[in-house]
N, C-alpha and C. Protein backbone atom coordinates (compact mmCIF):
# COMPACT_ATOMS: atom_id res chain seq x y z
N UNK A 1 -6.65 14.43 14.26
CA UNK A 1 -6.39 13.13 13.86
C UNK A 1 -6.78 12.55 12.35
N UNK A 2 -5.82 11.93 11.98
CA UNK A 2 -5.93 11.61 10.59
C UNK A 2 -6.35 9.90 10.57
N UNK A 3 -7.61 9.77 9.54
CA UNK A 3 -7.93 8.38 9.38
C UNK A 3 -7.49 7.93 7.79
N UNK A 4 -6.97 6.88 7.74
CA UNK A 4 -6.41 6.27 6.70
C UNK A 4 -7.58 4.71 6.63
N UNK A 5 -8.10 4.72 5.52
CA UNK A 5 -9.17 3.56 5.31
C UNK A 5 -8.90 2.74 4.25
N UNK A 6 -8.30 1.37 4.24
CA UNK A 6 -7.97 0.56 2.91
C UNK A 6 -9.03 -0.35 2.31
N UNK A 7 -8.94 -0.40 1.28
CA UNK A 7 -10.11 -1.40 0.63
C UNK A 7 -9.35 -1.95 -0.60
N UNK A 8 -10.34 -2.95 -1.17
CA UNK A 8 -9.77 -3.49 -2.28
C UNK A 8 -9.17 -5.12 -2.43
N UNK A 9 -8.90 -5.15 -1.13
CA UNK A 9 -8.23 -6.77 -0.62
C UNK A 9 -9.36 -7.88 -1.18
N UNK A 10 -8.43 -9.10 -1.24
CA UNK A 10 -9.66 -10.19 -1.47
C UNK A 10 -8.67 -11.20 -1.95
N UNK A 11 -9.62 -12.45 -2.39
CA UNK A 11 -8.84 -13.55 -2.80
C UNK A 11 -8.60 -13.49 -4.38
N UNK A 12 -7.51 -13.82 -4.70
CA UNK A 12 -7.05 -13.69 -6.13
C UNK A 12 -6.29 -14.86 -6.45
N UNK A 13 -6.36 -15.43 -7.90
CA UNK A 13 -5.54 -16.47 -7.87
C UNK A 13 -4.11 -16.15 -8.45
N UNK A 14 -3.05 -16.89 -8.22
CA UNK A 14 -1.94 -16.69 -8.77
C UNK A 14 -2.01 -16.26 -10.08
N UNK A 15 -1.21 -15.01 -10.49
CA UNK A 15 -0.91 -14.34 -11.57
C UNK A 15 -2.28 -13.33 -11.85
N UNK A 16 -2.84 -13.24 -10.82
CA UNK A 16 -4.13 -12.46 -11.11
C UNK A 16 -3.61 -10.84 -10.56
N UNK A 17 -4.61 -9.83 -10.60
CA UNK A 17 -4.27 -8.63 -10.31
C UNK A 17 -5.41 -8.02 -9.26
N UNK A 18 -4.82 -7.20 -8.29
CA UNK A 18 -5.78 -6.52 -7.21
C UNK A 18 -5.51 -5.09 -7.21
N UNK A 19 -6.32 -4.11 -7.09
CA UNK A 19 -5.95 -2.73 -6.92
C UNK A 19 -6.59 -2.25 -5.53
N UNK A 20 -5.64 -1.95 -4.50
CA UNK A 20 -5.98 -1.55 -3.41
C UNK A 20 -5.90 -0.19 -3.23
N UNK A 21 -6.98 0.52 -2.38
CA UNK A 21 -7.15 1.97 -2.31
C UNK A 21 -7.14 2.49 -0.78
N UNK A 22 -6.31 3.50 -0.69
CA UNK A 22 -6.38 4.08 0.78
C UNK A 22 -7.01 5.50 0.57
N UNK A 23 -7.89 5.55 1.39
CA UNK A 23 -8.87 6.71 1.41
C UNK A 23 -8.39 7.64 2.64
N UNK A 24 -7.92 8.58 2.67
CA UNK A 24 -7.54 9.32 3.69
C UNK A 24 -8.39 10.85 4.05
N UNK A 25 -8.57 10.95 5.43
CA UNK A 25 -9.65 12.03 5.87
C UNK A 25 -8.72 13.31 5.85
N UNK A 26 -7.50 13.31 5.25
CA UNK A 26 -6.78 14.50 5.10
C UNK A 26 -6.12 14.90 4.00
N UNK A 27 -5.80 16.15 3.69
CA UNK A 27 -4.82 16.37 2.40
C UNK A 27 -3.71 15.51 2.20
N UNK A 28 -3.55 14.57 1.49
CA UNK A 28 -2.39 13.56 1.34
C UNK A 28 -1.06 14.65 0.98
N UNK A 29 -1.44 15.68 0.28
CA UNK A 29 -0.19 16.31 -0.09
C UNK A 29 0.52 17.00 1.11
N UNK A 30 -0.13 17.06 2.35
CA UNK A 30 0.60 17.74 3.39
C UNK A 30 1.61 16.77 4.03
N UNK A 31 1.63 15.52 3.62
CA UNK A 31 2.36 14.58 4.13
C UNK A 31 3.57 14.43 3.22
N UNK A 32 4.89 14.16 4.05
CA UNK A 32 5.88 13.97 3.15
C UNK A 32 6.09 12.82 2.13
N UNK A 33 5.31 11.73 2.71
CA UNK A 33 5.31 10.71 1.55
C UNK A 33 4.01 9.82 2.15
N UNK A 34 3.43 8.94 1.26
CA UNK A 34 2.45 7.85 1.57
C UNK A 34 2.97 6.44 1.09
N UNK A 35 2.81 5.54 1.76
CA UNK A 35 3.12 3.93 1.69
C UNK A 35 2.35 2.92 1.85
N UNK A 36 2.79 1.75 1.47
CA UNK A 36 2.01 0.62 1.57
C UNK A 36 3.12 -0.20 2.48
N UNK A 37 2.69 -0.91 3.71
CA UNK A 37 3.39 -1.85 4.24
C UNK A 37 2.34 -3.28 4.21
N UNK A 38 3.13 -4.33 4.26
CA UNK A 38 2.24 -5.82 4.52
C UNK A 38 3.00 -6.39 5.76
N UNK A 39 2.21 -7.47 6.17
CA UNK A 39 2.61 -8.32 7.08
C UNK A 39 1.92 -9.87 6.92
N UNK A 40 2.71 -10.80 6.81
CA UNK A 40 2.06 -12.07 6.83
C UNK A 40 2.15 -12.77 8.09
N UNK A 41 1.41 -13.75 8.24
CA UNK A 41 1.66 -14.38 9.68
C UNK A 41 3.37 -15.03 9.73
N UNK A 42 3.65 -14.72 10.86
CA UNK A 42 4.98 -15.19 11.21
C UNK A 42 6.18 -14.65 10.80
N UNK A 43 5.75 -13.60 9.72
CA UNK A 43 6.99 -12.74 9.30
C UNK A 43 6.76 -11.21 9.76
N UNK A 44 8.21 -10.79 9.49
CA UNK A 44 8.21 -9.33 9.61
C UNK A 44 7.54 -8.54 8.75
N UNK A 45 7.24 -7.29 9.33
CA UNK A 45 6.45 -6.23 8.58
C UNK A 45 7.42 -5.61 7.78
N UNK A 46 7.07 -5.59 6.37
CA UNK A 46 7.83 -5.00 5.45
C UNK A 46 7.42 -3.84 4.59
N UNK A 47 7.99 -2.74 3.96
CA UNK A 47 7.65 -1.82 3.42
C UNK A 47 7.55 -2.12 2.08
N UNK A 48 6.24 -2.23 1.25
CA UNK A 48 6.06 -2.53 -0.12
C UNK A 48 6.39 -1.49 -0.94
N UNK A 49 5.85 -0.27 -0.92
CA UNK A 49 6.36 0.70 -1.86
C UNK A 49 5.95 2.19 -1.06
N UNK A 50 6.50 3.14 -1.58
CA UNK A 50 6.40 4.36 -0.96
C UNK A 50 6.31 5.46 -2.10
N UNK A 51 5.63 6.50 -2.16
CA UNK A 51 5.59 7.65 -3.06
C UNK A 51 5.86 9.04 -2.12
N UNK A 52 6.82 9.94 -2.54
CA UNK A 52 7.05 11.16 -1.75
C UNK A 52 6.20 12.26 -2.33
N UNK A 53 6.31 13.46 -2.02
CA UNK A 53 5.55 14.57 -2.45
C UNK A 53 5.74 14.91 -3.73
N UNK A 54 6.95 14.70 -4.19
CA UNK A 54 7.42 15.24 -5.75
C UNK A 54 7.36 13.85 -6.68
N UNK A 55 6.78 12.73 -5.95
CA UNK A 55 6.49 11.62 -6.85
C UNK A 55 7.57 10.68 -7.18
N UNK A 56 8.81 10.84 -6.17
CA UNK A 56 9.97 9.72 -6.24
C UNK A 56 9.19 8.35 -5.50
N UNK A 57 9.59 7.30 -6.07
CA UNK A 57 8.97 6.16 -5.42
C UNK A 57 10.25 5.06 -4.90
N UNK A 58 9.45 4.37 -4.17
CA UNK A 58 10.53 3.11 -3.69
C UNK A 58 9.63 1.71 -3.71
N UNK A 59 10.27 0.68 -4.15
CA UNK A 59 9.51 -0.56 -4.20
C UNK A 59 10.70 -1.60 -3.57
N UNK A 60 10.01 -2.48 -2.67
CA UNK A 60 10.81 -3.44 -2.26
C UNK A 60 11.34 -4.09 -3.50
N UNK A 61 12.41 -5.09 -3.64
CA UNK A 61 12.92 -5.88 -4.50
C UNK A 61 11.67 -6.94 -4.85
N UNK A 62 11.14 -7.54 -3.92
CA UNK A 62 10.31 -8.53 -4.10
C UNK A 62 9.04 -8.14 -5.15
N UNK A 63 8.75 -6.86 -5.12
CA UNK A 63 7.60 -6.41 -5.89
C UNK A 63 7.81 -5.79 -6.92
N UNK A 64 9.02 -5.21 -7.12
CA UNK A 64 9.61 -4.42 -8.19
C UNK A 64 9.13 -4.80 -9.73
N UNK A 65 8.53 -4.01 -10.49
CA UNK A 65 8.30 -4.57 -11.66
C UNK A 65 6.60 -5.12 -11.67
N UNK A 66 6.19 -5.40 -10.66
CA UNK A 66 4.76 -6.14 -10.55
C UNK A 66 3.79 -5.07 -9.87
N UNK A 67 4.17 -4.26 -8.77
CA UNK A 67 3.47 -3.32 -8.21
C UNK A 67 3.66 -1.87 -8.48
N UNK A 68 2.56 -1.08 -8.29
CA UNK A 68 2.77 0.44 -8.55
C UNK A 68 2.03 1.08 -7.72
N UNK A 69 2.65 2.28 -7.02
CA UNK A 69 1.89 2.96 -6.16
C UNK A 69 1.65 4.34 -6.93
N UNK A 70 0.41 4.72 -6.70
CA UNK A 70 0.06 6.24 -7.31
C UNK A 70 -0.76 6.83 -6.41
N UNK A 71 -1.06 8.01 -6.39
CA UNK A 71 -1.88 8.83 -5.78
C UNK A 71 -2.81 9.77 -6.54
N UNK A 72 -3.85 10.39 -5.83
CA UNK A 72 -4.60 11.40 -6.54
C UNK A 72 -4.87 12.47 -5.34
N UNK A 73 -4.23 13.34 -5.49
CA UNK A 73 -4.16 14.43 -4.47
C UNK A 73 -5.32 14.95 -4.33
N UNK A 74 -6.14 15.03 -5.25
CA UNK A 74 -7.58 15.97 -5.39
C UNK A 74 -8.90 14.85 -4.63
N UNK A 75 -8.26 13.61 -4.58
CA UNK A 75 -9.26 12.54 -4.05
C UNK A 75 -8.81 12.25 -2.58
N UNK A 76 -7.65 12.80 -2.07
CA UNK A 76 -7.05 12.25 -1.07
C UNK A 76 -7.02 10.81 -1.02
N UNK A 77 -6.49 10.26 -2.18
CA UNK A 77 -6.29 8.76 -2.28
C UNK A 77 -4.81 8.16 -2.83
N UNK A 78 -4.69 6.96 -2.17
CA UNK A 78 -3.54 6.45 -2.60
C UNK A 78 -3.73 5.26 -3.16
N UNK A 79 -3.21 4.61 -4.29
CA UNK A 79 -3.46 3.15 -4.77
C UNK A 79 -2.24 2.48 -4.91
N UNK A 80 -2.47 1.13 -4.82
CA UNK A 80 -1.50 0.12 -5.12
C UNK A 80 -2.15 -0.85 -5.83
N UNK A 81 -1.44 -0.70 -7.46
CA UNK A 81 -2.01 -1.61 -8.23
C UNK A 81 -0.95 -2.96 -8.23
N UNK A 82 -1.68 -4.13 -7.99
CA UNK A 82 -0.52 -5.27 -7.78
C UNK A 82 -0.96 -6.16 -9.04
N UNK A 83 0.01 -6.44 -9.71
CA UNK A 83 -0.34 -7.44 -10.81
C UNK A 83 0.85 -8.65 -10.70
N UNK A 84 0.41 -9.65 -11.46
CA UNK A 84 1.20 -10.97 -11.32
C UNK A 84 1.33 -11.34 -9.98
N UNK A 85 0.31 -11.25 -9.04
CA UNK A 85 0.57 -11.70 -7.73
C UNK A 85 0.86 -13.15 -7.73
N UNK A 86 1.54 -13.52 -6.36
CA UNK A 86 2.21 -14.72 -6.43
C UNK A 86 1.59 -15.24 -4.45
N UNK A 87 1.93 -16.27 -4.51
CA UNK A 87 1.07 -16.84 -3.24
C UNK A 87 2.05 -16.14 -1.99
N UNK A 88 3.41 -15.76 -2.32
CA UNK A 88 4.01 -14.95 -1.18
C UNK A 88 3.75 -13.86 -1.03
N UNK A 89 2.73 -13.22 -1.82
CA UNK A 89 2.30 -11.96 -1.43
C UNK A 89 1.16 -11.90 -0.69
N UNK A 90 0.54 -13.00 -0.23
CA UNK A 90 -0.37 -12.94 0.75
C UNK A 90 0.06 -12.16 2.23
N UNK A 91 -0.96 -11.40 2.53
CA UNK A 91 -0.43 -10.49 3.88
C UNK A 91 -1.59 -9.67 4.02
N UNK A 92 -1.48 -8.98 5.32
CA UNK A 92 -2.30 -7.80 5.47
C UNK A 92 -1.73 -6.44 4.91
N UNK A 93 -2.22 -5.72 4.33
CA UNK A 93 -1.73 -4.77 3.70
C UNK A 93 -2.29 -3.39 4.13
N UNK A 94 -1.21 -2.52 4.61
CA UNK A 94 -1.83 -1.09 5.26
C UNK A 94 -1.21 -0.26 4.83
N UNK A 95 -1.97 0.87 4.65
CA UNK A 95 -1.65 2.18 4.09
C UNK A 95 -0.96 3.04 5.23
N UNK A 96 -0.14 3.93 4.99
CA UNK A 96 0.49 4.77 5.91
C UNK A 96 0.82 5.98 5.53
N UNK A 97 0.97 7.16 6.44
CA UNK A 97 1.51 8.75 5.73
C UNK A 97 2.50 8.95 6.82
N UNK A 98 3.48 9.56 6.03
CA UNK A 98 4.76 9.90 6.65
C UNK A 98 4.67 11.52 7.03
N UNK A 99 5.49 11.72 8.00
CA UNK A 99 6.10 13.15 8.28
C UNK A 99 7.49 13.08 8.23
N UNK A 100 8.09 13.93 7.54
CA UNK A 100 9.45 13.59 7.23
C UNK A 100 9.84 12.33 6.65
N UNK A 101 10.64 11.30 7.61
CA UNK A 101 10.88 10.13 7.07
C UNK A 101 10.41 9.00 8.16
N UNK A 102 9.56 9.58 8.87
CA UNK A 102 8.88 8.73 9.99
C UNK A 102 7.28 8.34 9.70
N UNK A 103 6.84 7.34 9.75
CA UNK A 103 5.48 7.07 9.76
C UNK A 103 4.64 7.53 10.89
N UNK A 104 3.68 8.23 10.72
CA UNK A 104 2.95 8.89 11.59
C UNK A 104 1.40 8.22 11.85
N UNK A 105 1.02 7.79 10.73
CA UNK A 105 -0.29 7.42 10.61
C UNK A 105 -0.48 5.95 9.84
N UNK A 106 -1.40 5.17 10.54
CA UNK A 106 -1.50 3.84 9.92
C UNK A 106 -3.00 3.70 9.93
N UNK A 107 -3.13 2.94 8.67
CA UNK A 107 -4.54 2.28 8.53
C UNK A 107 -4.63 0.96 9.22
N UNK A 108 -5.82 0.45 9.09
CA UNK A 108 -6.41 -0.94 9.70
C UNK A 108 -5.82 -2.10 9.04
N UNK A 109 -5.63 -1.73 7.63
CA UNK A 109 -5.16 -3.00 6.75
C UNK A 109 -6.33 -3.55 6.04
N UNK A 110 -5.90 -4.08 4.84
CA UNK A 110 -6.79 -4.90 4.37
C UNK A 110 -6.30 -6.39 3.62
N UNK A 111 -7.02 -7.42 3.85
CA UNK A 111 -6.26 -8.77 3.65
C UNK A 111 -6.28 -8.97 2.09
N UNK A 112 -5.13 -9.34 1.59
CA UNK A 112 -5.05 -9.93 0.41
C UNK A 112 -4.36 -11.55 0.58
N UNK A 113 -5.03 -12.33 -0.31
CA UNK A 113 -4.94 -13.66 -0.13
C UNK A 113 -4.67 -14.14 -1.47
N UNK A 114 -3.55 -14.68 -2.12
CA UNK A 114 -3.32 -15.31 -3.36
C UNK A 114 -3.33 -16.67 -3.28
N UNK A 115 -4.20 -17.39 -3.68
CA UNK A 115 -4.18 -18.85 -3.60
C UNK A 115 -5.00 -19.46 -4.80
N UNK A 116 -4.51 -20.45 -5.28
CA UNK A 116 -5.38 -21.35 -6.30
C UNK A 116 -6.64 -22.02 -5.70
């Protein structure tokens, strides 16, 4: 059983920044990819960013140019740097680990609220 624990969420003003952290209980290099999903109330869960074993990344159009996903394999940690935050970025952000192209493990999520 693999545990993923997110941290770093909170309340931030529009235009501000947050750095989310996902700490894994297993070697993240053993997974095909690591990613971040988000879900806001009344909205469908969406993939925000993903990074695979060789470093290829994916970003949703809504966050491209503002968010950056990265990983530290030695620390079994994945990060999501979130800049130029907008109110529509408000959501619960969850870390996930992939086997091949399928999500296998989920974290419990961390709340991000962007408001003045």
